[in-house]
Every structure is written in C-alpha cells, then in structure tokens.
Amino acid sequence: MLKTGSTVKLITFNGEALSSEDCEPEENYWLLIGELATVLESETIYGRVLVEFDVLVKSKGLYCHNEIPNTLLILESDLLIV
C-alpha cells in the first residue's frame, strides 16, 4: 500500500503501456508514463490514489479537472515507489 508523501513513478496508465489509436489528445494520459509524482491521499477511491505530478499536466495538453492543480486519480497498480 502506498503512503501519503511517497514519491512514485507512473509506469502504466489504466494497466496499459500504450494508448489506443482512437484516444483523444486531451485524454492521452499515457504521455505521463515515466513522470514522478507525490501521493497526496493514500486511501484508494475505486482502486485509485490521488497523486500530484512534478510535471505540469496541462503543459502536455491533458485535462486536469481536480480541485487541486496538477493532480490525478491513478490506479495504485500503475505506480512504482521510487
């Protein structure tokens, strides 16, 4: 289980290493694979944890709808503790 404050790296997104061919550019979160993030909330919500990325998510042209800027809910299994 991940702990709040842990540094993690995104290794897959939704269990996949590559996006589908019909993926909208604003939803291509696979562009974040390899990026580092910090776990903000370690309790899972539908198997996901809230992480704040070191890189600006919107700078990659991606949607980021959470109240806390630069955060996404990511499957715990998509993250590697570094």
PDB file of N, CA and C in Angstrom:
ATOM      1  N   MET A   1       0.837  -1.181   0.000  1.00  0.00           N
ATOM      2  CA  MET A   1       0.000   0.000   0.000  1.00  0.00           C
ATOM      3  C   MET A   1       0.882   1.245   0.000  1.00  0.00           C
ATOM      4  N   LEU A   2       0.475   2.225  -0.791  1.00  0.00           N
ATOM      5  CA  LEU A   2       1.201   3.480  -0.863  1.00  0.00           C
ATOM      6  C   LEU A   2       0.889   4.349   0.344  1.00  0.00           C
ATOM      7  N   LYS A   3       1.862   5.139   0.754  1.00  0.00           N
ATOM      8  CA  LYS A   3       1.677   6.047   1.881  1.00  0.00           C
ATOM      9  C   LYS A   3       1.644   7.484   1.381  1.00  0.00           C
ATOM     10  N   THR A   4       0.877   8.321   2.072  1.00  0.00           N
ATOM     11  CA  THR A   4       0.854   9.741   1.763  1.00  0.00           C
ATOM     12  C   THR A   4       2.275  10.289   1.845  1.00  0.00           C
ATOM     13  N   GLY A   5       2.660  11.064   0.847  1.00  0.00           N
ATOM     14  CA  GLY A   5       4.002  11.633   0.795  1.00  0.00           C
ATOM     15  C   GLY A   5       4.998  10.813   0.006  1.00  0.00           C
ATOM     16  N   SER A   6       4.642   9.577  -0.354  1.00  0.00           N
ATOM     17  CA  SER A   6       5.554   8.729  -1.133  1.00  0.00           C
ATOM     18  C   SER A   6       5.782   9.321  -2.518  1.00  0.00           C
ATOM     19  N   THR A   7       7.013   9.211  -2.994  1.00  0.00           N
ATOM     20  CA  THR A   7       7.321   9.578  -4.369  1.00  0.00           C
ATOM     21  C   THR A   7       7.126   8.344  -5.232  1.00  0.00           C
ATOM     22  N   VAL A   8       6.398   8.516  -6.322  1.00  0.00           N
ATOM     23  CA  VAL A   8       6.083   7.393  -7.202  1.00  0.00           C
ATOM     24  C   VAL A   8       6.357   7.785  -8.656  1.00  0.00           C
ATOM     25  N   LYS A   9       6.476   6.765  -9.489  1.00  0.00           N
ATOM     26  CA  LYS A   9       6.634   6.974 -10.929  1.00  0.00           C
ATOM     27  C   LYS A   9       5.484   6.263 -11.625  1.00  0.00           C
ATOM     28  N   LEU A  10       4.890   6.922 -12.601  1.00  0.00           N
ATOM     29  CA  LEU A  10       3.831   6.301 -13.385  1.00  0.00           C
ATOM     30  C   LEU A  10       4.468   5.323 -14.363  1.00  0.00           C
ATOM     31  N   ILE A  11       4.091   4.039 -14.273  1.00  0.00           N
ATOM     32  CA  ILE A  11       4.692   3.021 -15.139  1.00  0.00           C
ATOM     33  C   ILE A  11       3.718   2.527 -16.207  1.00  0.00           C
ATOM     34  N   THR A  12       2.426   2.683 -15.953  1.00  0.00           N
ATOM     35  CA  THR A  12       1.381   2.384 -16.928  1.00  0.00           C
ATOM     36  C   THR A  12       0.217   3.314 -16.612  1.00  0.00           C
ATOM     37  N   PHE A  13      -0.770   3.350 -17.488  1.00  0.00           N
ATOM     38  CA  PHE A  13      -1.990   4.108 -17.203  1.00  0.00           C
ATOM     39  C   PHE A  13      -3.166   3.191 -17.481  1.00  0.00           C
ATOM     40  N   ASN A  14      -4.016   3.020 -16.483  1.00  0.00           N
ATOM     41  CA  ASN A  14      -5.133   2.067 -16.558  1.00  0.00           C
ATOM     42  C   ASN A  14      -4.655   0.674 -16.956  1.00  0.00           C
ATOM     43  N   GLY A  15      -3.459   0.322 -16.474  1.00  0.00           N
ATOM     44  CA  GLY A  15      -2.920  -1.010 -16.703  1.00  0.00           C
ATOM     45  C   GLY A  15      -2.304  -1.224 -18.071  1.00  0.00           C
ATOM     46  N   GLU A  16      -2.232  -0.191 -18.876  1.00  0.00           N
ATOM     47  CA  GLU A  16      -1.706  -0.313 -20.243  1.00  0.00           C
ATOM     48  C   GLU A  16      -0.483   0.584 -20.416  1.00  0.00           C
ATOM     49  N   ALA A  17       0.464   0.133 -21.248  1.00  0.00           N
ATOM     50  CA  ALA A  17       1.672   0.917 -21.510  1.00  0.00           C
ATOM     51  C   ALA A  17       1.485   1.898 -22.665  1.00  0.00           C
ATOM     52  N   LEU A  18       0.515   1.624 -23.537  1.00  0.00           N
ATOM     53  CA  LEU A  18       0.280   2.475 -24.703  1.00  0.00           C
ATOM     54  C   LEU A  18      -1.190   2.853 -24.788  1.00  0.00           C
ATOM     55  N   SER A  19      -1.444   4.050 -25.313  1.00  0.00           N
ATOM     56  CA  SER A  19      -2.826   4.484 -25.513  1.00  0.00           C
ATOM     57  C   SER A  19      -3.411   3.806 -26.741  1.00  0.00           C
ATOM     58  N   SER A  20      -4.732   3.805 -26.827  1.00  0.00           N
ATOM     59  CA  SER A  20      -5.384   3.270 -28.020  1.00  0.00           C
ATOM     60  C   SER A  20      -5.262   4.287 -29.146  1.00  0.00           C
ATOM     61  N   GLU A  21      -5.423   3.837 -30.366  1.00  0.00           N
ATOM     62  CA  GLU A  21      -5.286   4.723 -31.521  1.00  0.00           C
ATOM     63  C   GLU A  21      -6.368   5.798 -31.559  1.00  0.00           C
ATOM     64  N   ASP A  22      -7.526   5.524 -30.981  1.00  0.00           N
ATOM     65  CA  ASP A  22      -8.625   6.486 -31.023  1.00  0.00           C
ATOM     66  C   ASP A  22      -8.691   7.374 -29.783  1.00  0.00           C
ATOM     67  N   CYS A  23      -7.615   7.425 -29.019  1.00  0.00           N
ATOM     68  CA  CYS A  23      -7.558   8.228 -27.802  1.00  0.00           C
ATOM     69  C   CYS A  23      -7.513   9.716 -28.163  1.00  0.00           C
ATOM     70  N   GLU A  24      -8.369  10.498 -27.519  1.00  0.00           N
ATOM     71  CA  GLU A  24      -8.361  11.942 -27.720  1.00  0.00           C
ATOM     72  C   GLU A  24      -7.061  12.509 -27.142  1.00  0.00           C
ATOM     73  N   PRO A  25      -6.444  13.487 -27.809  1.00  0.00           N
ATOM     74  CA  PRO A  25      -5.173  14.049 -27.322  1.00  0.00           C
ATOM     75  C   PRO A  25      -5.248  14.570 -25.885  1.00  0.00           C
ATOM     76  N   GLU A  26      -6.385  15.154 -25.496  1.00  0.00           N
ATOM     77  CA  GLU A  26      -6.533  15.706 -24.152  1.00  0.00           C
ATOM     78  C   GLU A  26      -6.686  14.629 -23.087  1.00  0.00           C
ATOM     79  N   GLU A  27      -6.888  13.391 -23.519  1.00  0.00           N
ATOM     80  CA  GLU A  27      -7.058  12.270 -22.596  1.00  0.00           C
ATOM     81  C   GLU A  27      -5.934  11.247 -22.711  1.00  0.00           C
ATOM     82  N   ASN A  28      -4.861  11.615 -23.387  1.00  0.00           N
ATOM     83  CA  ASN A  28      -3.738  10.705 -23.579  1.00  0.00           C
ATOM     84  C   ASN A  28      -2.792  10.769 -22.379  1.00  0.00           C
ATOM     85  N   TYR A  29      -3.280  10.281 -21.247  1.00  0.00           N
ATOM     86  CA  TYR A  29      -2.509  10.318 -20.000  1.00  0.00           C
ATOM     87  C   TYR A  29      -1.291   9.399 -20.044  1.00  0.00           C
ATOM     88  N   TRP A  30      -1.188   8.600 -21.078  1.00  0.00           N
ATOM     89  CA  TRP A  30      -0.008   7.756 -21.260  1.00  0.00           C
ATOM     90  C   TRP A  30       1.229   8.615 -21.484  1.00  0.00           C
ATOM     91  N   LEU A  31       1.035   9.889 -21.871  1.00  0.00           N
ATOM     92  CA  LEU A  31       2.168  10.814 -22.011  1.00  0.00           C
ATOM     93  C   LEU A  31       2.874  11.050 -20.688  1.00  0.00           C
ATOM     94  N   LEU A  32       2.207  10.730 -19.585  1.00  0.00           N
ATOM     95  CA  LEU A  32       2.794  10.925 -18.257  1.00  0.00           C
ATOM     96  C   LEU A  32       3.611   9.727 -17.775  1.00  0.00           C
ATOM     97  N   ILE A  33       3.616   8.636 -18.535  1.00  0.00           N
ATOM     98  CA  ILE A  33       4.396   7.466 -18.130  1.00  0.00           C
ATOM     99  C   ILE A  33       5.866   7.862 -18.017  1.00  0.00           C
ATOM    100  N   GLY A  34       6.461   7.494 -16.890  1.00  0.00           N
ATOM    101  CA  GLY A  34       7.853   7.824 -16.592  1.00  0.00           C
ATOM    102  C   GLY A  34       7.990   9.061 -15.724  1.00  0.00           C
ATOM    103  N   GLU A  35       6.900   9.808 -15.564  1.00  0.00           N
ATOM    104  CA  GLU A  35       6.939  11.022 -14.747  1.00  0.00           C
ATOM    105  C   GLU A  35       6.808  10.686 -13.262  1.00  0.00           C
ATOM    106  N   LEU A  36       7.406  11.536 -12.432  1.00  0.00           N
ATOM    107  CA  LEU A  36       7.339  11.374 -10.980  1.00  0.00           C
ATOM    108  C   LEU A  36       6.164  12.156 -10.411  1.00  0.00           C
ATOM    109  N   ALA A  37       5.662  11.670  -9.286  1.00  0.00           N
ATOM    110  CA  ALA A  37       4.538  12.311  -8.603  1.00  0.00           C
ATOM    111  C   ALA A  37       4.653  12.022  -7.110  1.00  0.00           C
ATOM    112  N   THR A  38       3.865  12.758  -6.334  1.00  0.00           N
ATOM    113  CA  THR A  38       3.789  12.560  -4.892  1.00  0.00           C
ATOM    114  C   THR A  38       2.378  12.131  -4.530  1.00  0.00           C
ATOM    115  N   VAL A  39       2.272  11.105  -3.698  1.00  0.00           N
ATOM    116  CA  VAL A  39       0.960  10.639  -3.251  1.00  0.00           C
ATOM    117  C   VAL A  39       0.402  11.646  -2.243  1.00  0.00           C
ATOM    118  N   LEU A  40      -0.775  12.201  -2.554  1.00  0.00           N
ATOM    119  CA  LEU A  40      -1.414  13.159  -1.647  1.00  0.00           C
ATOM    120  C   LEU A  40      -2.432  12.489  -0.743  1.00  0.00           C
ATOM    121  N   GLU A  41      -3.123  11.496  -1.278  1.00  0.00           N
ATOM    122  CA  GLU A  41      -4.108  10.739  -0.495  1.00  0.00           C
ATOM    123  C   GLU A  41      -3.884   9.267  -0.778  1.00  0.00           C
ATOM    124  N   SER A  42      -3.518   8.539   0.259  1.00  0.00           N
ATOM    125  CA  SER A  42      -3.189   7.126   0.058  1.00  0.00           C
ATOM    126  C   SER A  42      -4.405   6.207   0.106  1.00  0.00           C
ATOM    127  N   GLU A  43      -5.531   6.701   0.626  1.00  0.00           N
ATOM    128  CA  GLU A  43      -6.740   5.873   0.624  1.00  0.00           C
ATOM    129  C   GLU A  43      -7.246   5.760  -0.796  1.00  0.00           C
ATOM    130  N   THR A  44      -7.519   4.549  -1.213  1.00  0.00           N
ATOM    131  CA  THR A  44      -7.945   4.358  -2.588  1.00  0.00           C
ATOM    132  C   THR A  44      -9.413   4.707  -2.785  1.00  0.00           C
ATOM    133  N   ILE A  45      -9.689   5.264  -3.928  1.00  0.00           N
ATOM    134  CA  ILE A  45     -11.043   5.545  -4.383  1.00  0.00           C
ATOM    135  C   ILE A  45     -11.194   4.741  -5.662  1.00  0.00           C
ATOM    136  N   TYR A  46     -11.960   3.647  -5.593  1.00  0.00           N
ATOM    137  CA  TYR A  46     -12.096   2.728  -6.734  1.00  0.00           C
ATOM    138  C   TYR A  46     -10.726   2.222  -7.189  1.00  0.00           C
ATOM    139  N   GLY A  47      -9.839   1.945  -6.232  1.00  0.00           N
ATOM    140  CA  GLY A  47      -8.512   1.424  -6.546  1.00  0.00           C
ATOM    141  C   GLY A  47      -7.520   2.485  -6.982  1.00  0.00           C
ATOM    142  N   ARG A  48      -7.913   3.735  -6.891  1.00  0.00           N
ATOM    143  CA  ARG A  48      -7.058   4.840  -7.328  1.00  0.00           C
ATOM    144  C   ARG A  48      -6.617   5.688  -6.145  1.00  0.00           C
ATOM    145  N   VAL A  49      -5.439   6.288  -6.286  1.00  0.00           N
ATOM    146  CA  VAL A  49      -4.924   7.211  -5.280  1.00  0.00           C
ATOM    147  C   VAL A  49      -4.717   8.573  -5.939  1.00  0.00           C
ATOM    148  N   LEU A  50      -4.813   9.619  -5.140  1.00  0.00           N
ATOM    149  CA  LEU A  50      -4.607  10.974  -5.646  1.00  0.00           C
ATOM    150  C   LEU A  50      -3.123  11.287  -5.615  1.00  0.00           C
ATOM    151  N   VAL A  51      -2.575  11.618  -6.785  1.00  0.00           N
ATOM    152  CA  VAL A  51      -1.165  11.969  -6.884  1.00  0.00           C
ATOM    153  C   VAL A  51      -1.011  13.335  -7.539  1.00  0.00           C
ATOM    154  N   GLU A  52       0.042  14.040  -7.116  1.00  0.00           N
ATOM    155  CA  GLU A  52       0.381  15.328  -7.714  1.00  0.00           C
ATOM    156  C   GLU A  52       1.661  15.138  -8.518  1.00  0.00           C
ATOM    157  N   PHE A  53       1.575  15.397  -9.807  1.00  0.00           N
ATOM    158  CA  PHE A  53       2.719  15.200 -10.690  1.00  0.00           C
ATOM    159  C   PHE A  53       3.714  16.345 -10.575  1.00  0.00           C
ATOM    160  N   ASP A  54       5.010  16.022 -10.741  1.00  0.00           N
ATOM    161  CA  ASP A  54       6.058  17.034 -10.750  1.00  0.00           C
ATOM    162  C   ASP A  54       5.981  17.875 -12.024  1.00  0.00           C
ATOM    163  N   VAL A  55       5.632  17.243 -13.132  1.00  0.00           N
ATOM    164  CA  VAL A  55       5.476  17.930 -14.407  1.00  0.00           C
ATOM    165  C   VAL A  55       4.070  18.536 -14.457  1.00  0.00           C
ATOM    166  N   LEU A  56       3.920  19.665 -15.135  1.00  0.00           N
ATOM    167  CA  LEU A  56       2.608  20.278 -15.269  1.00  0.00           C
ATOM    168  C   LEU A  56       1.760  19.459 -16.244  1.00  0.00           C
ATOM    169  N   VAL A  57       0.694  18.885 -15.739  1.00  0.00           N
ATOM    170  CA  VAL A  57      -0.172  18.017 -16.540  1.00  0.00           C
ATOM    171  C   VAL A  57      -0.743  18.782 -17.734  1.00  0.00           C
ATOM    172  N   LYS A  58      -1.200  20.003 -17.497  1.00  0.00           N
ATOM    173  CA  LYS A  58      -1.797  20.794 -18.575  1.00  0.00           C
ATOM    174  C   LYS A  58      -0.771  21.191 -19.633  1.00  0.00           C
ATOM    175  N   SER A  59       0.515  21.230 -19.271  1.00  0.00           N
ATOM    176  CA  SER A  59       1.551  21.580 -20.249  1.00  0.00           C
ATOM    177  C   SER A  59       1.683  20.507 -21.321  1.00  0.00           C
ATOM    178  N   LYS A  60       1.183  19.323 -21.036  1.00  0.00           N
ATOM    179  CA  LYS A  60       1.191  18.229 -22.004  1.00  0.00           C
ATOM    180  C   LYS A  60      -0.118  18.195 -22.792  1.00  0.00           C
ATOM    181  N   GLY A  61      -0.981  19.214 -22.570  1.00  0.00           N
ATOM    182  CA  GLY A  61      -2.240  19.297 -23.298  1.00  0.00           C
ATOM    183  C   GLY A  61      -3.325  18.396 -22.743  1.00  0.00           C
ATOM    184  N   LEU A  62      -3.176  17.945 -21.493  1.00  0.00           N
ATOM    185  CA  LEU A  62      -4.105  16.992 -20.895  1.00  0.00           C
ATOM    186  C   LEU A  62      -5.120  17.682 -19.998  1.00  0.00           C
ATOM    187  N   TYR A  63      -6.306  17.092 -19.918  1.00  0.00           N
ATOM    188  CA  TYR A  63      -7.312  17.570 -18.980  1.00  0.00           C
ATOM    189  C   TYR A  63      -6.838  17.316 -17.554  1.00  0.00           C
ATOM    190  N   CYS A  64      -7.159  18.241 -16.666  1.00  0.00           N
ATOM    191  CA  CYS A  64      -6.860  18.078 -15.250  1.00  0.00           C
ATOM    192  C   CYS A  64      -7.987  18.770 -14.492  1.00  0.00           C
ATOM    193  N   HIS A  65      -9.017  18.001 -14.097  1.00  0.00           N
ATOM    194  CA  HIS A  65     -10.257  18.548 -13.556  1.00  0.00           C
ATOM    195  C   HIS A  65     -10.317  18.623 -12.035  1.00  0.00           C
ATOM    196  N   ASN A  66      -9.333  18.098 -11.342  1.00  0.00           N
ATOM    197  CA  ASN A  66      -9.399  18.048  -9.885  1.00  0.00           C
ATOM    198  C   ASN A  66      -9.267  19.437  -9.267  1.00  0.00           C
ATOM    199  N   GLU A  67      -9.799  19.587  -8.054  1.00  0.00           N
ATOM    200  CA  GLU A  67      -9.717  20.869  -7.348  1.00  0.00           C
ATOM    201  C   GLU A  67      -8.268  21.264  -7.076  1.00  0.00           C
ATOM    202  N   ILE A  68      -7.435  20.289  -6.765  1.00  0.00           N
ATOM    203  CA  ILE A  68      -6.018  20.550  -6.523  1.00  0.00           C
ATOM    204  C   ILE A  68      -5.306  20.504  -7.875  1.00  0.00           C
ATOM    205  N   PRO A  69      -4.666  21.601  -8.280  1.00  0.00           N
ATOM    206  CA  PRO A  69      -3.991  21.621  -9.586  1.00  0.00           C
ATOM    207  C   PRO A  69      -2.952  20.520  -9.708  1.00  0.00           C
ATOM    208  N   ASN A  70      -2.799  20.025 -10.935  1.00  0.00           N
ATOM    209  CA  ASN A  70      -1.745  19.072 -11.281  1.00  0.00           C
ATOM    210  C   ASN A  70      -1.891  17.711 -10.619  1.00  0.00           C
ATOM    211  N   THR A  71      -3.129  17.357 -10.230  1.00  0.00           N
ATOM    212  CA  THR A  71      -3.363  16.056  -9.600  1.00  0.00           C
ATOM    213  C   THR A  71      -4.286  15.204 -10.448  1.00  0.00           C
ATOM    214  N   LEU A  72      -4.095  13.908 -10.334  1.00  0.00           N
ATOM    215  CA  LEU A  72      -4.957  12.932 -10.995  1.00  0.00           C
ATOM    216  C   LEU A  72      -5.167  11.751 -10.061  1.00  0.00           C
ATOM    217  N   LEU A  73      -6.291  11.083 -10.228  1.00  0.00           N
ATOM    218  CA  LEU A  73      -6.532   9.814  -9.544  1.00  0.00           C
ATOM    219  C   LEU A  73      -5.970   8.710 -10.428  1.00  0.00           C
ATOM    220  N   ILE A  74      -5.015   7.982  -9.907  1.00  0.00           N
ATOM    221  CA  ILE A  74      -4.289   6.965 -10.671  1.00  0.00           C
ATOM    222  C   ILE A  74      -4.427   5.620  -9.969  1.00  0.00           C
ATOM    223  N   LEU A  75      -4.604   4.565 -10.766  1.00  0.00           N
ATOM    224  CA  LEU A  75      -4.645   3.223 -10.187  1.00  0.00           C
ATOM    225  C   LEU A  75      -3.347   2.959  -9.423  1.00  0.00           C
ATOM    226  N   GLU A  76      -3.482   2.432  -8.240  1.00  0.00           N
ATOM    227  CA  GLU A  76      -2.306   2.123  -7.429  1.00  0.00           C
ATOM    228  C   GLU A  76      -1.367   1.178  -8.172  1.00  0.00           C
ATOM    229  N   SER A  77      -1.927   0.271  -8.946  1.00  0.00           N
ATOM    230  CA  SER A  77      -1.110  -0.699  -9.688  1.00  0.00           C
ATOM    231  C   SER A  77      -0.320  -0.057 -10.841  1.00  0.00           C
ATOM    232  N   ASP A  78      -0.649   1.174 -11.207  1.00  0.00           N
ATOM    233  CA  ASP A  78       0.072   1.897 -12.262  1.00  0.00           C
ATOM    234  C   ASP A  78       1.281   2.647 -11.718  1.00  0.00           C
ATOM    235  N   LEU A  79       1.488   2.597 -10.422  1.00  0.00           N
ATOM    236  CA  LEU A  79       2.534   3.389  -9.784  1.00  0.00           C
ATOM    237  C   LEU A  79       3.626   2.518  -9.182  1.00  0.00           C
ATOM    238  N   LEU A  80       4.838   3.011  -9.246  1.00  0.00           N
ATOM    239  CA  LEU A  80       6.011   2.347  -8.666  1.00  0.00           C
ATOM    240  C   LEU A  80       6.620   3.306  -7.662  1.00  0.00           C
ATOM    241  N   ILE A  81       6.846   2.839  -6.443  1.00  0.00           N
ATOM    242  CA  ILE A  81       7.505   3.678  -5.430  1.00  0.00           C
ATOM    243  C   ILE A  81       8.968   3.832  -5.799  1.00  0.00           C
ATOM    244  N   VAL A  82       9.447   5.080  -5.749  1.00  0.00           N
ATOM    245  CA  VAL A  82      10.874   5.330  -6.072  1.00  0.00           C
ATOM    246  C   VAL A  82      11.606   5.871  -4.866  1.00  0.00           C
TER     247      VAL A  82
END
